[in-house]
Amino acid sequence: MMGYGTGFGSGFGGMFWMLGGILLIVGLVVLVVWAVSRATAANHGAAPSPAGTDPLDILRARFARGEITEAEYIQAANVLKAGR
């Protein structure tokens, strides 16, 4: 028969293990939140910028990625070329 304060979950040792368990759970929650936030940021990050910073280069890259149609490309290219 166990005496008072000699069990695994009682006394100072029990408080130590309870605090350790709580810290372990909090640590796991923080780790999961961090991993999910990194995964979401990687999937929803901005598209890499085109190699050139020239407006026509950016326009060409958008057309190549299929973001704009050929008619939009021609119209925008004419506007950009007229502005030079």
C-alpha atoms as a PDB file:
ATOM      1  CA  MET A   1       0.000   0.000   0.000  1.00  0.00           C
ATOM      2  CA  MET A   2       1.333   3.427  -0.914  1.00  0.00           C
ATOM      3  CA  GLY A   3       1.758   6.101   1.672  1.00  0.00           C
ATOM      4  CA  TYR A   4       0.774   9.728   1.319  1.00  0.00           C
ATOM      5  CA  GLY A   5       2.913  11.584  -1.249  1.00  0.00           C
ATOM      6  CA  THR A   6       4.740   8.558  -2.578  1.00  0.00           C
ATOM      7  CA  GLY A   7       2.654   7.972  -5.718  1.00  0.00           C
ATOM      8  CA  PHE A   8       3.752   8.960  -9.211  1.00  0.00           C
ATOM      9  CA  GLY A   9       1.144  11.715  -9.507  1.00  0.00           C
ATOM     10  CA  SER A  10       1.370  13.343  -6.121  1.00  0.00           C
ATOM     11  CA  GLY A  11       3.686  15.754  -4.370  1.00  0.00           C
ATOM     12  CA  PHE A  12       6.437  17.785  -6.044  1.00  0.00           C
ATOM     13  CA  GLY A  13       7.199  15.035  -8.538  1.00  0.00           C
ATOM     14  CA  GLY A  14       3.595  14.987  -9.703  1.00  0.00           C
ATOM     15  CA  MET A  15       3.606  18.741 -10.228  1.00  0.00           C
ATOM     16  CA  PHE A  16       6.856  18.424 -12.170  1.00  0.00           C
ATOM     17  CA  TRP A  17       5.397  15.790 -14.506  1.00  0.00           C
ATOM     18  CA  MET A  18       2.161  17.756 -14.939  1.00  0.00           C
ATOM     19  CA  LEU A  19       4.094  20.910 -15.873  1.00  0.00           C
ATOM     20  CA  GLY A  20       6.264  18.886 -18.253  1.00  0.00           C
ATOM     21  CA  GLY A  21       3.192  17.420 -19.920  1.00  0.00           C
ATOM     22  CA  ILE A  22       1.609  20.848 -20.352  1.00  0.00           C
ATOM     23  CA  LEU A  23       4.824  22.246 -21.829  1.00  0.00           C
ATOM     24  CA  LEU A  24       5.020  19.274 -24.191  1.00  0.00           C
ATOM     25  CA  ILE A  25       1.450  19.832 -25.423  1.00  0.00           C
ATOM     26  CA  VAL A  26       2.002  23.581 -25.855  1.00  0.00           C
ATOM     27  CA  GLY A  27       5.239  22.879 -27.724  1.00  0.00           C
ATOM     28  CA  LEU A  28       3.508  20.455 -30.072  1.00  0.00           C
ATOM     29  CA  VAL A  29       0.709  22.958 -30.772  1.00  0.00           C
ATOM     30  CA  VAL A  30       3.255  25.684 -31.537  1.00  0.00           C
ATOM     31  CA  LEU A  31       5.158  23.308 -33.821  1.00  0.00           C
ATOM     32  CA  VAL A  32       2.006  22.366 -35.749  1.00  0.00           C
ATOM     33  CA  VAL A  33       0.948  26.020 -36.141  1.00  0.00           C
ATOM     34  CA  TRP A  34       4.436  26.935 -37.361  1.00  0.00           C
ATOM     35  CA  ALA A  35       4.501  24.057 -39.871  1.00  0.00           C
ATOM     36  CA  VAL A  36       1.048  24.903 -41.231  1.00  0.00           C
ATOM     37  CA  SER A  37       1.905  28.590 -41.585  1.00  0.00           C
ATOM     38  CA  ARG A  38       5.111  27.757 -43.468  1.00  0.00           C
ATOM     39  CA  ALA A  39       3.295  25.364 -45.787  1.00  0.00           C
ATOM     40  CA  THR A  40       0.575  27.917 -46.525  1.00  0.00           C
ATOM     41  CA  ALA A  41       3.064  30.711 -47.110  1.00  0.00           C
ATOM     42  CA  ALA A  42       5.018  28.526 -49.533  1.00  0.00           C
ATOM     43  CA  ASN A  43       1.895  27.630 -51.499  1.00  0.00           C
ATOM     44  CA  HIS A  44       0.402  31.115 -51.607  1.00  0.00           C
ATOM     45  CA  GLY A  45       3.553  33.150 -52.045  1.00  0.00           C
ATOM     46  CA  ALA A  46       3.881  35.727 -54.762  1.00  0.00           C
ATOM     47  CA  ALA A  47       4.894  34.532 -58.193  1.00  0.00           C
ATOM     48  CA  PRO A  48       8.533  35.113 -58.989  1.00  0.00           C
ATOM     49  CA  SER A  49       9.124  38.407 -60.737  1.00  0.00           C
ATOM     50  CA  PRO A  50      10.172  38.393 -64.389  1.00  0.00           C
ATOM     51  CA  ALA A  51      13.860  38.597 -65.177  1.00  0.00           C
ATOM     52  CA  GLY A  52      13.704  42.118 -66.614  1.00  0.00           C
ATOM     53  CA  THR A  53      12.154  45.178 -65.091  1.00  0.00           C
ATOM     54  CA  ASP A  54      11.382  46.703 -68.479  1.00  0.00           C
ATOM     55  CA  PRO A  55       7.583  47.053 -68.925  1.00  0.00           C
ATOM     56  CA  LEU A  56       7.696  45.190 -72.252  1.00  0.00           C
ATOM     57  CA  ASP A  57       9.595  42.318 -70.620  1.00  0.00           C
ATOM     58  CA  ILE A  58       6.967  42.128 -67.891  1.00  0.00           C
ATOM     59  CA  LEU A  59       4.213  42.207 -70.526  1.00  0.00           C
ATOM     60  CA  ARG A  60       5.901  39.413 -72.506  1.00  0.00           C
ATOM     61  CA  ALA A  61       6.226  37.303 -69.374  1.00  0.00           C
ATOM     62  CA  ARG A  62       2.533  37.780 -68.499  1.00  0.00           C
ATOM     63  CA  PHE A  63       1.570  36.770 -72.043  1.00  0.00           C
ATOM     64  CA  ALA A  64       3.852  33.732 -71.880  1.00  0.00           C
ATOM     65  CA  ARG A  65       2.244  32.621 -68.589  1.00  0.00           C
ATOM     66  CA  GLY A  66      -1.213  32.969 -70.133  1.00  0.00           C
ATOM     67  CA  GLU A  67      -2.319  35.769 -67.831  1.00  0.00           C
ATOM     68  CA  ILE A  68      -3.387  37.966 -70.769  1.00  0.00           C
ATOM     69  CA  THR A  69      -4.717  37.221 -74.240  1.00  0.00           C
ATOM     70  CA  GLU A  70      -2.945  38.017 -77.500  1.00  0.00           C
ATOM     71  CA  ALA A  71      -5.268  40.964 -78.136  1.00  0.00           C
ATOM     72  CA  GLU A  72      -4.527  42.389 -74.690  1.00  0.00           C
ATOM     73  CA  TYR A  73      -0.814  41.867 -75.267  1.00  0.00           C
ATOM     74  CA  ILE A  74      -0.851  43.677 -78.634  1.00  0.00           C
ATOM     75  CA  GLN A  75      -2.899  46.566 -77.264  1.00  0.00           C
ATOM     76  CA  ALA A  76      -0.718  47.004 -74.193  1.00  0.00           C
ATOM     77  CA  ALA A  77       2.496  46.674 -76.245  1.00  0.00           C
ATOM     78  CA  ASN A  78       1.303  49.390 -78.630  1.00  0.00           C
ATOM     79  CA  VAL A  79       0.509  51.691 -75.706  1.00  0.00           C
ATOM     80  CA  LEU A  80       3.907  51.074 -74.151  1.00  0.00           C
ATOM     81  CA  LYS A  81       5.762  51.572 -77.442  1.00  0.00           C
ATOM     82  CA  ALA A  82       3.852  54.827 -78.137  1.00  0.00           C
ATOM     83  CA  GLY A  83       4.854  56.175 -74.753  1.00  0.00           C
ATOM     84  CA  ARG A  84       8.568  55.891 -75.474  1.00  0.00           C
END
